[in-house]
Amino acid sequence: MSIRFHQLAEDELNKAIYWYASRRLGLDYEFVRCVDETVARIVKNPRVFPVVLNDIRRAIVKRFPYAIYYEIRENELLVLAIFHSKRDPQQWRLRI
């Protein structure tokens, strides 16, 4: 199953990487590693994570206050958001 990122999810990821890079040397790499591990867990077993709205599921990123919201489509997983837990969830819901 392939995985595709919504453009806004890519933008969120890049902004978070930049933010962590500005905080401490190497923290951005740790963040990316944790996001990659979460994405790998999603790809391995996409239905294990809870449904939070309609068919959208949420996987929590370890060590960082982020969640990955995604939808299982016919031949792909669509990542809708890589979202900080303190932000208003209505923001990512506008994408559906």
PDB file of N, CA and C in Angstrom:
ATOM      1  N   MET A   1       0.845  -1.174   0.000  1.00  0.00           N
ATOM      2  CA  MET A   1       0.000   0.000   0.000  1.00  0.00           C
ATOM      3  C   MET A   1       0.892   1.239   0.000  1.00  0.00           C
ATOM      4  N   SER A   2       0.607   2.148  -0.893  1.00  0.00           N
ATOM      5  CA  SER A   2       1.415   3.366  -0.965  1.00  0.00           C
ATOM      6  C   SER A   2       0.886   4.404   0.025  1.00  0.00           C
ATOM      7  N   ILE A   3       1.719   5.383   0.282  1.00  0.00           N
ATOM      8  CA  ILE A   3       1.338   6.451   1.199  1.00  0.00           C
ATOM      9  C   ILE A   3       1.537   7.783   0.492  1.00  0.00           C
ATOM     10  N   ARG A   4       0.556   8.666   0.670  1.00  0.00           N
ATOM     11  CA  ARG A   4       0.622   9.981   0.042  1.00  0.00           C
ATOM     12  C   ARG A   4       0.307  11.025   1.105  1.00  0.00           C
ATOM     13  N   PHE A   5       1.018  12.133   1.049  1.00  0.00           N
ATOM     14  CA  PHE A   5       0.835  13.213   2.008  1.00  0.00           C
ATOM     15  C   PHE A   5       0.074  14.368   1.364  1.00  0.00           C
ATOM     16  N   HIS A   6      -0.978  14.815   2.019  1.00  0.00           N
ATOM     17  CA  HIS A   6      -1.667  16.032   1.625  1.00  0.00           C
ATOM     18  C   HIS A   6      -0.637  17.161   1.670  1.00  0.00           C
ATOM     19  N   GLN A   7      -0.727  18.107   0.781  1.00  0.00           N
ATOM     20  CA  GLN A   7       0.257  19.203   0.734  1.00  0.00           C
ATOM     21  C   GLN A   7       0.349  19.929   2.072  1.00  0.00           C
ATOM     22  N   LEU A   8      -0.778  20.144   2.723  1.00  0.00           N
ATOM     23  CA  LEU A   8      -0.749  20.834   4.019  1.00  0.00           C
ATOM     24  C   LEU A   8      -0.067  19.993   5.093  1.00  0.00           C
ATOM     25  N   ALA A   9      -0.181  18.670   4.999  1.00  0.00           N
ATOM     26  CA  ALA A   9       0.528  17.790   5.943  1.00  0.00           C
ATOM     27  C   ALA A   9       2.038  17.900   5.724  1.00  0.00           C
ATOM     28  N   GLU A  10       2.457  17.948   4.472  1.00  0.00           N
ATOM     29  CA  GLU A  10       3.886  18.145   4.172  1.00  0.00           C
ATOM     30  C   GLU A  10       4.371  19.476   4.717  1.00  0.00           C
ATOM     31  N   ASP A  11       3.562  20.509   4.536  1.00  0.00           N
ATOM     32  CA  ASP A  11       3.926  21.835   5.047  1.00  0.00           C
ATOM     33  C   ASP A  11       4.059  21.819   6.563  1.00  0.00           C
ATOM     34  N   GLU A  12       3.126  21.161   7.244  1.00  0.00           N
ATOM     35  CA  GLU A  12       3.190  21.062   8.707  1.00  0.00           C
ATOM     36  C   GLU A  12       4.439  20.335   9.152  1.00  0.00           C
ATOM     37  N   LEU A  13       4.761  19.260   8.462  1.00  0.00           N
ATOM     38  CA  LEU A  13       5.961  18.496   8.804  1.00  0.00           C
ATOM     39  C   LEU A  13       7.205  19.356   8.635  1.00  0.00           C
ATOM     40  N   ASN A  14       7.304  20.048   7.516  1.00  0.00           N
ATOM     41  CA  ASN A  14       8.476  20.889   7.267  1.00  0.00           C
ATOM     42  C   ASN A  14       8.598  22.020   8.279  1.00  0.00           C
ATOM     43  N   LYS A  15       7.488  22.628   8.660  1.00  0.00           N
ATOM     44  CA  LYS A  15       7.519  23.697   9.665  1.00  0.00           C
ATOM     45  C   LYS A  15       7.966  23.160  11.023  1.00  0.00           C
ATOM     46  N   ALA A  16       7.485  21.976  11.377  1.00  0.00           N
ATOM     47  CA  ALA A  16       7.881  21.376  12.651  1.00  0.00           C
ATOM     48  C   ALA A  16       9.367  21.020  12.649  1.00  0.00           C
ATOM     49  N   ILE A  17       9.849  20.483  11.540  1.00  0.00           N
ATOM     50  CA  ILE A  17      11.276  20.153  11.435  1.00  0.00           C
ATOM     51  C   ILE A  17      12.116  21.407  11.612  1.00  0.00           C
ATOM     52  N   TYR A  18      11.725  22.462  10.948  1.00  0.00           N
ATOM     53  CA  TYR A  18      12.444  23.734  11.053  1.00  0.00           C
ATOM     54  C   TYR A  18      12.425  24.252  12.491  1.00  0.00           C
ATOM     55  N   TRP A  19      11.267  24.179  13.132  1.00  0.00           N
ATOM     56  CA  TRP A  19      11.136  24.652  14.508  1.00  0.00           C
ATOM     57  C   TRP A  19      12.044  23.861  15.445  1.00  0.00           C
ATOM     58  N   TYR A  20      12.032  22.532  15.333  1.00  0.00           N
ATOM     59  CA  TYR A  20      12.878  21.705  16.203  1.00  0.00           C
ATOM     60  C   TYR A  20      14.361  21.931  15.914  1.00  0.00           C
ATOM     61  N   ALA A  21      14.701  22.166  14.661  1.00  0.00           N
ATOM     62  CA  ALA A  21      16.103  22.450  14.311  1.00  0.00           C
ATOM     63  C   ALA A  21      16.578  23.729  14.976  1.00  0.00           C
ATOM     64  N   SER A  22      15.681  24.674  15.153  1.00  0.00           N
ATOM     65  CA  SER A  22      16.061  25.950  15.773  1.00  0.00           C
ATOM     66  C   SER A  22      16.166  25.856  17.294  1.00  0.00           C
ATOM     67  N   ARG A  23      15.685  24.772  17.868  1.00  0.00           N
ATOM     68  CA  ARG A  23      15.681  24.636  19.321  1.00  0.00           C
ATOM     69  C   ARG A  23      16.931  23.955  19.875  1.00  0.00           C
ATOM     70  N   ARG A  24      17.380  22.924  19.189  1.00  0.00           N
ATOM     71  CA  ARG A  24      18.550  22.184  19.671  1.00  0.00           C
ATOM     72  C   ARG A  24      19.156  21.386  18.527  1.00  0.00           C
ATOM     73  N   LEU A  25      20.438  21.376  18.461  1.00  0.00           N
ATOM     74  CA  LEU A  25      21.149  20.633  17.418  1.00  0.00           C
ATOM     75  C   LEU A  25      20.728  19.166  17.442  1.00  0.00           C
ATOM     76  N   GLY A  26      20.235  18.690  16.325  1.00  0.00           N
ATOM     77  CA  GLY A  26      19.862  17.292  16.181  1.00  0.00           C
ATOM     78  C   GLY A  26      18.439  16.961  16.577  1.00  0.00           C
ATOM     79  N   LEU A  27      17.747  17.894  17.217  1.00  0.00           N
ATOM     80  CA  LEU A  27      16.370  17.613  17.635  1.00  0.00           C
ATOM     81  C   LEU A  27      15.455  17.414  16.430  1.00  0.00           C
ATOM     82  N   ASP A  28      15.743  18.107  15.352  1.00  0.00           N
ATOM     83  CA  ASP A  28      14.955  17.914  14.129  1.00  0.00           C
ATOM     84  C   ASP A  28      15.095  16.496  13.598  1.00  0.00           C
ATOM     85  N   TYR A  29      16.303  15.933  13.688  1.00  0.00           N
ATOM     86  CA  TYR A  29      16.514  14.555  13.225  1.00  0.00           C
ATOM     87  C   TYR A  29      15.776  13.560  14.115  1.00  0.00           C
ATOM     88  N   GLU A  30      15.752  13.836  15.414  1.00  0.00           N
ATOM     89  CA  GLU A  30      15.013  12.970  16.325  1.00  0.00           C
ATOM     90  C   GLU A  30      13.521  13.012  16.009  1.00  0.00           C
ATOM     91  N   PHE A  31      13.016  14.202  15.728  1.00  0.00           N
ATOM     92  CA  PHE A  31      11.611  14.352  15.372  1.00  0.00           C
ATOM     93  C   PHE A  31      11.288  13.581  14.090  1.00  0.00           C
ATOM     94  N   VAL A  32      12.106  13.744  13.078  1.00  0.00           N
ATOM     95  CA  VAL A  32      11.875  13.044  11.804  1.00  0.00           C
ATOM     96  C   VAL A  32      11.925  11.536  12.010  1.00  0.00           C
ATOM     97  N   ARG A  33      12.860  11.070  12.821  1.00  0.00           N
ATOM     98  CA  ARG A  33      12.959   9.629  13.095  1.00  0.00           C
ATOM     99  C   ARG A  33      11.673   9.123  13.744  1.00  0.00           C
ATOM    100  N   CYS A  34      11.148   9.863  14.704  1.00  0.00           N
ATOM    101  CA  CYS A  34       9.915   9.458  15.376  1.00  0.00           C
ATOM    102  C   CYS A  34       8.716   9.496  14.431  1.00  0.00           C
ATOM    103  N   VAL A  35       8.648  10.497  13.572  1.00  0.00           N
ATOM    104  CA  VAL A  35       7.571  10.563  12.575  1.00  0.00           C
ATOM    105  C   VAL A  35       7.695   9.384  11.606  1.00  0.00           C
ATOM    106  N   ASP A  36       8.915   9.103  11.152  1.00  0.00           N
ATOM    107  CA  ASP A  36       9.128   7.969  10.241  1.00  0.00           C
ATOM    108  C   ASP A  36       8.711   6.648  10.883  1.00  0.00           C
ATOM    109  N   GLU A  37       9.034   6.483  12.159  1.00  0.00           N
ATOM    110  CA  GLU A  37       8.637   5.260  12.857  1.00  0.00           C
ATOM    111  C   GLU A  37       7.116   5.148  12.937  1.00  0.00           C
ATOM    112  N   THR A  38       6.455   6.255  13.184  1.00  0.00           N
ATOM    113  CA  THR A  38       4.997   6.246  13.256  1.00  0.00           C
ATOM    114  C   THR A  38       4.392   5.927  11.897  1.00  0.00           C
ATOM    115  N   VAL A  39       4.929   6.520  10.859  1.00  0.00           N
ATOM    116  CA  VAL A  39       4.441   6.228   9.502  1.00  0.00           C
ATOM    117  C   VAL A  39       4.658   4.752   9.177  1.00  0.00           C
ATOM    118  N   ALA A  40       5.794   4.195   9.563  1.00  0.00           N
ATOM    119  CA  ALA A  40       6.058   2.778   9.320  1.00  0.00           C
ATOM    120  C   ALA A  40       5.052   1.896  10.061  1.00  0.00           C
ATOM    121  N   ARG A  41       4.692   2.285  11.288  1.00  0.00           N
ATOM    122  CA  ARG A  41       3.683   1.532  12.040  1.00  0.00           C
ATOM    123  C   ARG A  41       2.328   1.616  11.356  1.00  0.00           C
ATOM    124  N   ILE A  42       2.007   2.788  10.805  1.00  0.00           N
ATOM    125  CA  ILE A  42       0.741   2.955  10.085  1.00  0.00           C
ATOM    126  C   ILE A  42       0.710   2.049   8.858  1.00  0.00           C
ATOM    127  N   VAL A  43       1.770   2.072   8.076  1.00  0.00           N
ATOM    128  CA  VAL A  43       1.830   1.276   6.844  1.00  0.00           C
ATOM    129  C   VAL A  43       1.736  -0.210   7.167  1.00  0.00           C
ATOM    130  N   LYS A  44       2.399  -0.612   8.235  1.00  0.00           N
ATOM    131  CA  LYS A  44       2.417  -2.034   8.609  1.00  0.00           C
ATOM    132  C   LYS A  44       1.030  -2.536   9.010  1.00  0.00           C
ATOM    133  N   ASN A  45       0.289  -1.710   9.751  1.00  0.00           N
ATOM    134  CA  ASN A  45      -1.019  -2.141  10.223  1.00  0.00           C
ATOM    135  C   ASN A  45      -1.945  -0.920  10.341  1.00  0.00           C
ATOM    136  N   PRO A  46      -2.456  -0.430   9.227  1.00  0.00           N
ATOM    137  CA  PRO A  46      -3.185   0.836   9.227  1.00  0.00           C
ATOM    138  C   PRO A  46      -4.494   0.825  10.014  1.00  0.00           C
ATOM    139  N   ARG A  47      -5.085  -0.324  10.203  1.00  0.00           N
ATOM    140  CA  ARG A  47      -6.378  -0.377  10.887  1.00  0.00           C
ATOM    141  C   ARG A  47      -6.262  -0.490  12.412  1.00  0.00           C
ATOM    142  N   VAL A  48      -5.059  -0.538  12.932  1.00  0.00           N
ATOM    143  CA  VAL A  48      -4.876  -0.694  14.378  1.00  0.00           C
ATOM    144  C   VAL A  48      -5.122   0.615  15.138  1.00  0.00           C
ATOM    145  N   PHE A  49      -5.015   1.734  14.476  1.00  0.00           N
ATOM    146  CA  PHE A  49      -5.158   3.029  15.134  1.00  0.00           C
ATOM    147  C   PHE A  49      -6.629   3.447  15.168  1.00  0.00           C
ATOM    148  N   PRO A  50      -7.013   4.205  16.194  1.00  0.00           N
ATOM    149  CA  PRO A  50      -8.432   4.525  16.364  1.00  0.00           C
ATOM    150  C   PRO A  50      -8.974   5.499  15.314  1.00  0.00           C
ATOM    151  N   VAL A  51     -10.235   5.294  14.984  1.00  0.00           N
ATOM    152  CA  VAL A  51     -10.964   6.215  14.122  1.00  0.00           C
ATOM    153  C   VAL A  51     -11.385   7.397  14.993  1.00  0.00           C
ATOM    154  N   VAL A  52     -11.116   8.605  14.510  1.00  0.00           N
ATOM    155  CA  VAL A  52     -11.456   9.804  15.286  1.00  0.00           C
ATOM    156  C   VAL A  52     -12.572  10.624  14.646  1.00  0.00           C
ATOM    157  N   LEU A  53     -12.775  10.442  13.361  1.00  0.00           N
ATOM    158  CA  LEU A  53     -13.830  11.171  12.655  1.00  0.00           C
ATOM    159  C   LEU A  53     -14.090  10.485  11.321  1.00  0.00           C
ATOM    160  N   ASN A  54     -15.331  10.078  11.110  1.00  0.00           N
ATOM    161  CA  ASN A  54     -15.693   9.356   9.883  1.00  0.00           C
ATOM    162  C   ASN A  54     -14.723   8.190   9.697  1.00  0.00           C
ATOM    163  N   ASP A  55     -13.923   8.183   8.633  1.00  0.00           N
ATOM    164  CA  ASP A  55     -12.957   7.110   8.399  1.00  0.00           C
ATOM    165  C   ASP A  55     -11.521   7.552   8.679  1.00  0.00           C
ATOM    166  N   ILE A  56     -11.359   8.658   9.335  1.00  0.00           N
ATOM    167  CA  ILE A  56     -10.020   9.197   9.593  1.00  0.00           C
ATOM    168  C   ILE A  56      -9.490   8.637  10.909  1.00  0.00           C
ATOM    169  N   ARG A  57      -8.251   8.185  10.854  1.00  0.00           N
ATOM    170  CA  ARG A  57      -7.603   7.585  12.015  1.00  0.00           C
ATOM    171  C   ARG A  57      -6.473   8.471  12.512  1.00  0.00           C
ATOM    172  N   ARG A  58      -6.073   8.230  13.766  1.00  0.00           N
ATOM    173  CA  ARG A  58      -5.021   9.037  14.371  1.00  0.00           C
ATOM    174  C   ARG A  58      -3.965   8.124  14.983  1.00  0.00           C
ATOM    175  N   ALA A  59      -2.711   8.420  14.661  1.00  0.00           N
ATOM    176  CA  ALA A  59      -1.566   7.734  15.263  1.00  0.00           C
ATOM    177  C   ALA A  59      -0.732   8.791  15.981  1.00  0.00           C
ATOM    178  N   ILE A  60      -0.402   8.527  17.229  1.00  0.00           N
ATOM    179  CA  ILE A  60       0.365   9.463  18.037  1.00  0.00           C
ATOM    180  C   ILE A  60       1.853   9.245  17.783  1.00  0.00           C
ATOM    181  N   VAL A  61       2.583  10.335  17.588  1.00  0.00           N
ATOM    182  CA  VAL A  61       4.033  10.284  17.407  1.00  0.00           C
ATOM    183  C   VAL A  61       4.677  10.190  18.790  1.00  0.00           C
ATOM    184  N   LYS A  62       5.527   9.209  18.989  1.00  0.00           N
ATOM    185  CA  LYS A  62       6.208   9.041  20.278  1.00  0.00           C
ATOM    186  C   LYS A  62       7.180  10.196  20.525  1.00  0.00           C
ATOM    187  N   ARG A  63       7.273  10.605  21.802  1.00  0.00           N
ATOM    188  CA  ARG A  63       8.213  11.610  22.299  1.00  0.00           C
ATOM    189  C   ARG A  63       7.882  13.044  21.920  1.00  0.00           C
ATOM    190  N   PHE A  64       7.025  13.261  20.960  1.00  0.00           N
ATOM    191  CA  PHE A  64       6.715  14.610  20.494  1.00  0.00           C
ATOM    192  C   PHE A  64       5.200  14.810  20.517  1.00  0.00           C
ATOM    193  N   PRO A  65       4.742  16.031  20.751  1.00  0.00           N
ATOM    194  CA  PRO A  65       3.295  16.268  20.868  1.00  0.00           C
ATOM    195  C   PRO A  65       2.589  16.402  19.517  1.00  0.00           C
ATOM    196  N   TYR A  66       2.760  15.404  18.685  1.00  0.00           N
ATOM    197  CA  TYR A  66       2.171  15.413  17.348  1.00  0.00           C
ATOM    198  C   TYR A  66       1.374  14.137  17.115  1.00  0.00           C
ATOM    199  N   ALA A  67       0.383  14.273  16.258  1.00  0.00           N
ATOM    200  CA  ALA A  67      -0.397  13.118  15.816  1.00  0.00           C
ATOM    201  C   ALA A  67      -0.461  13.151  14.299  1.00  0.00           C
ATOM    202  N   ILE A  68      -0.544  11.980  13.720  1.00  0.00           N
ATOM    203  CA  ILE A  68      -0.689  11.845  12.274  1.00  0.00           C
ATOM    204  C   ILE A  68      -2.118  11.386  12.007  1.00  0.00           C
ATOM    205  N   TYR A  69      -2.841  12.182  11.250  1.00  0.00           N
ATOM    206  CA  TYR A  69      -4.215  11.869  10.873  1.00  0.00           C
ATOM    207  C   TYR A  69      -4.196  11.361   9.430  1.00  0.00           C
ATOM    208  N   TYR A  70      -4.843  10.237   9.217  1.00  0.00           N
ATOM    209  CA  TYR A  70      -4.791   9.633   7.879  1.00  0.00           C
ATOM    210  C   TYR A  70      -6.079   8.897   7.575  1.00  0.00           C
ATOM    211  N   GLU A  71      -6.235   8.624   6.305  1.00  0.00           N
ATOM    212  CA  GLU A  71      -7.402   7.914   5.807  1.00  0.00           C
ATOM    213  C   GLU A  71      -6.929   6.746   4.946  1.00  0.00           C
ATOM    214  N   ILE A  72      -7.573   5.620   5.122  1.00  0.00           N
ATOM    215  CA  ILE A  72      -7.269   4.450   4.303  1.00  0.00           C
ATOM    216  C   ILE A  72      -8.127   4.535   3.056  1.00  0.00           C
ATOM    217  N   ARG A  73      -7.456   4.631   1.927  1.00  0.00           N
ATOM    218  CA  ARG A  73      -8.169   4.676   0.645  1.00  0.00           C
ATOM    219  C   ARG A  73      -8.014   3.321  -0.036  1.00  0.00           C
ATOM    220  N   GLU A  74      -8.536   3.196  -1.222  1.00  0.00           N
ATOM    221  CA  GLU A  74      -8.511   1.917  -1.929  1.00  0.00           C
ATOM    222  C   GLU A  74      -7.102   1.343  -2.080  1.00  0.00           C
ATOM    223  N   ASN A  75      -6.188   2.127  -2.635  1.00  0.00           N
ATOM    224  CA  ASN A  75      -4.827   1.641  -2.886  1.00  0.00           C
ATOM    225  C   ASN A  75      -3.755   2.451  -2.176  1.00  0.00           C
ATOM    226  N   GLU A  76      -4.176   3.307  -1.257  1.00  0.00           N
ATOM    227  CA  GLU A  76      -3.195   4.161  -0.607  1.00  0.00           C
ATOM    228  C   GLU A  76      -3.657   4.598   0.775  1.00  0.00           C
ATOM    229  N   LEU A  77      -2.692   5.099   1.516  1.00  0.00           N
ATOM    230  CA  LEU A  77      -2.961   5.783   2.769  1.00  0.00           C
ATOM    231  C   LEU A  77      -2.735   7.263   2.501  1.00  0.00           C
ATOM    232  N   LEU A  78      -3.707   8.071   2.825  1.00  0.00           N
ATOM    233  CA  LEU A  78      -3.584   9.509   2.620  1.00  0.00           C
ATOM    234  C   LEU A  78      -3.387  10.172   3.981  1.00  0.00           C
ATOM    235  N   VAL A  79      -2.216  10.768   4.191  1.00  0.00           N
ATOM    236  CA  VAL A  79      -1.941  11.509   5.416  1.00  0.00           C
ATOM    237  C   VAL A  79      -2.527  12.898   5.237  1.00  0.00           C
ATOM    238  N   LEU A  80      -3.511  13.210   6.063  1.00  0.00           N
ATOM    239  CA  LEU A  80      -4.198  14.493   5.977  1.00  0.00           C
ATOM    240  C   LEU A  80      -3.507  15.574   6.798  1.00  0.00           C
ATOM    241  N   ALA A  81      -2.899  15.173   7.922  1.00  0.00           N
ATOM    242  CA  ALA A  81      -2.294  16.170   8.806  1.00  0.00           C
ATOM    243  C   ALA A  81      -1.218  15.534   9.670  1.00  0.00           C
ATOM    244  N   ILE A  82      -0.210  16.324   9.963  1.00  0.00           N
ATOM    245  CA  ILE A  82       0.777  16.018  10.996  1.00  0.00           C
ATOM    246  C   ILE A  82       0.650  17.198  11.948  1.00  0.00           C
ATOM    247  N   PHE A  83      -0.091  16.966  12.999  1.00  0.00           N
ATOM    248  CA  PHE A  83      -0.695  18.056  13.743  1.00  0.00           C
ATOM    249  C   PHE A  83      -0.237  18.102  15.192  1.00  0.00           C
ATOM    250  N   HIS A  84       0.158  19.289  15.643  1.00  0.00           N
ATOM    251  CA  HIS A  84       0.552  19.488  17.037  1.00  0.00           C
ATOM    252  C   HIS A  84      -0.685  19.352  17.919  1.00  0.00           C
ATOM    253  N   SER A  85      -0.533  18.677  19.042  1.00  0.00           N
ATOM    254  CA  SER A  85      -1.681  18.380  19.905  1.00  0.00           C
ATOM    255  C   SER A  85      -2.296  19.607  20.565  1.00  0.00           C
ATOM    256  N   LYS A  86      -1.589  20.729  20.599  1.00  0.00           N
ATOM    257  CA  LYS A  86      -2.123  21.943  21.212  1.00  0.00           C
ATOM    258  C   LYS A  86      -2.917  22.817  20.236  1.00  0.00           C
ATOM    259  N   ARG A  87      -2.867  22.471  18.965  1.00  0.00           N
ATOM    260  CA  ARG A  87      -3.601  23.269  17.977  1.00  0.00           C
ATOM    261  C   ARG A  87      -5.069  22.890  17.952  1.00  0.00           C
ATOM    262  N   ASP A  88      -5.872  23.763  17.435  1.00  0.00           N
ATOM    263  CA  ASP A  88      -7.307  23.543  17.316  1.00  0.00           C
ATOM    264  C   ASP A  88      -7.564  22.451  16.275  1.00  0.00           C
ATOM    265  N   PRO A  89      -8.179  21.338  16.676  1.00  0.00           N
ATOM    266  CA  PRO A  89      -8.402  20.244  15.720  1.00  0.00           C
ATOM    267  C   PRO A  89      -9.310  20.610  14.557  1.00  0.00           C
ATOM    268  N   GLN A  90     -10.070  21.684  14.686  1.00  0.00           N
ATOM    269  CA  GLN A  90     -10.913  22.104  13.574  1.00  0.00           C
ATOM    270  C   GLN A  90     -10.078  22.459  12.349  1.00  0.00           C
ATOM    271  N   GLN A  91      -8.826  22.837  12.555  1.00  0.00           N
ATOM    272  CA  GLN A  91      -7.960  23.234  11.438  1.00  0.00           C
ATOM    273  C   GLN A  91      -7.724  22.067  10.472  1.00  0.00           C
ATOM    274  N   TRP A  92      -7.377  20.888  10.979  1.00  0.00           N
ATOM    275  CA  TRP A  92      -7.120  19.785  10.051  1.00  0.00           C
ATOM    276  C   TRP A  92      -8.435  19.231   9.491  1.00  0.00           C
ATOM    277  N   ARG A  93      -9.527  19.401  10.212  1.00  0.00           N
ATOM    278  CA  ARG A  93     -10.812  18.895   9.731  1.00  0.00           C
ATOM    279  C   ARG A  93     -11.319  19.635   8.509  1.00  0.00           C
ATOM    280  N   LEU A  94     -10.800  20.828   8.289  1.00  0.00           N
ATOM    281  CA  LEU A  94     -11.194  21.589   7.097  1.00  0.00           C
ATOM    282  C   LEU A  94     -10.705  20.916   5.809  1.00  0.00           C
ATOM    283  N   ARG A  95      -9.776  19.978   5.923  1.00  0.00           N
ATOM    284  CA  ARG A  95      -9.198  19.311   4.741  1.00  0.00           C
ATOM    285  C   ARG A  95     -10.056  18.188   4.205  1.00  0.00           C
ATOM    286  N   ILE A  96     -11.050  17.787   4.955  1.00  0.00           N
ATOM    287  CA  ILE A  96     -11.837  16.618   4.511  1.00  0.00           C
ATOM    288  C   ILE A  96     -13.093  17.051   3.793  1.00  0.00           C
TER     289      ILE A  96
END
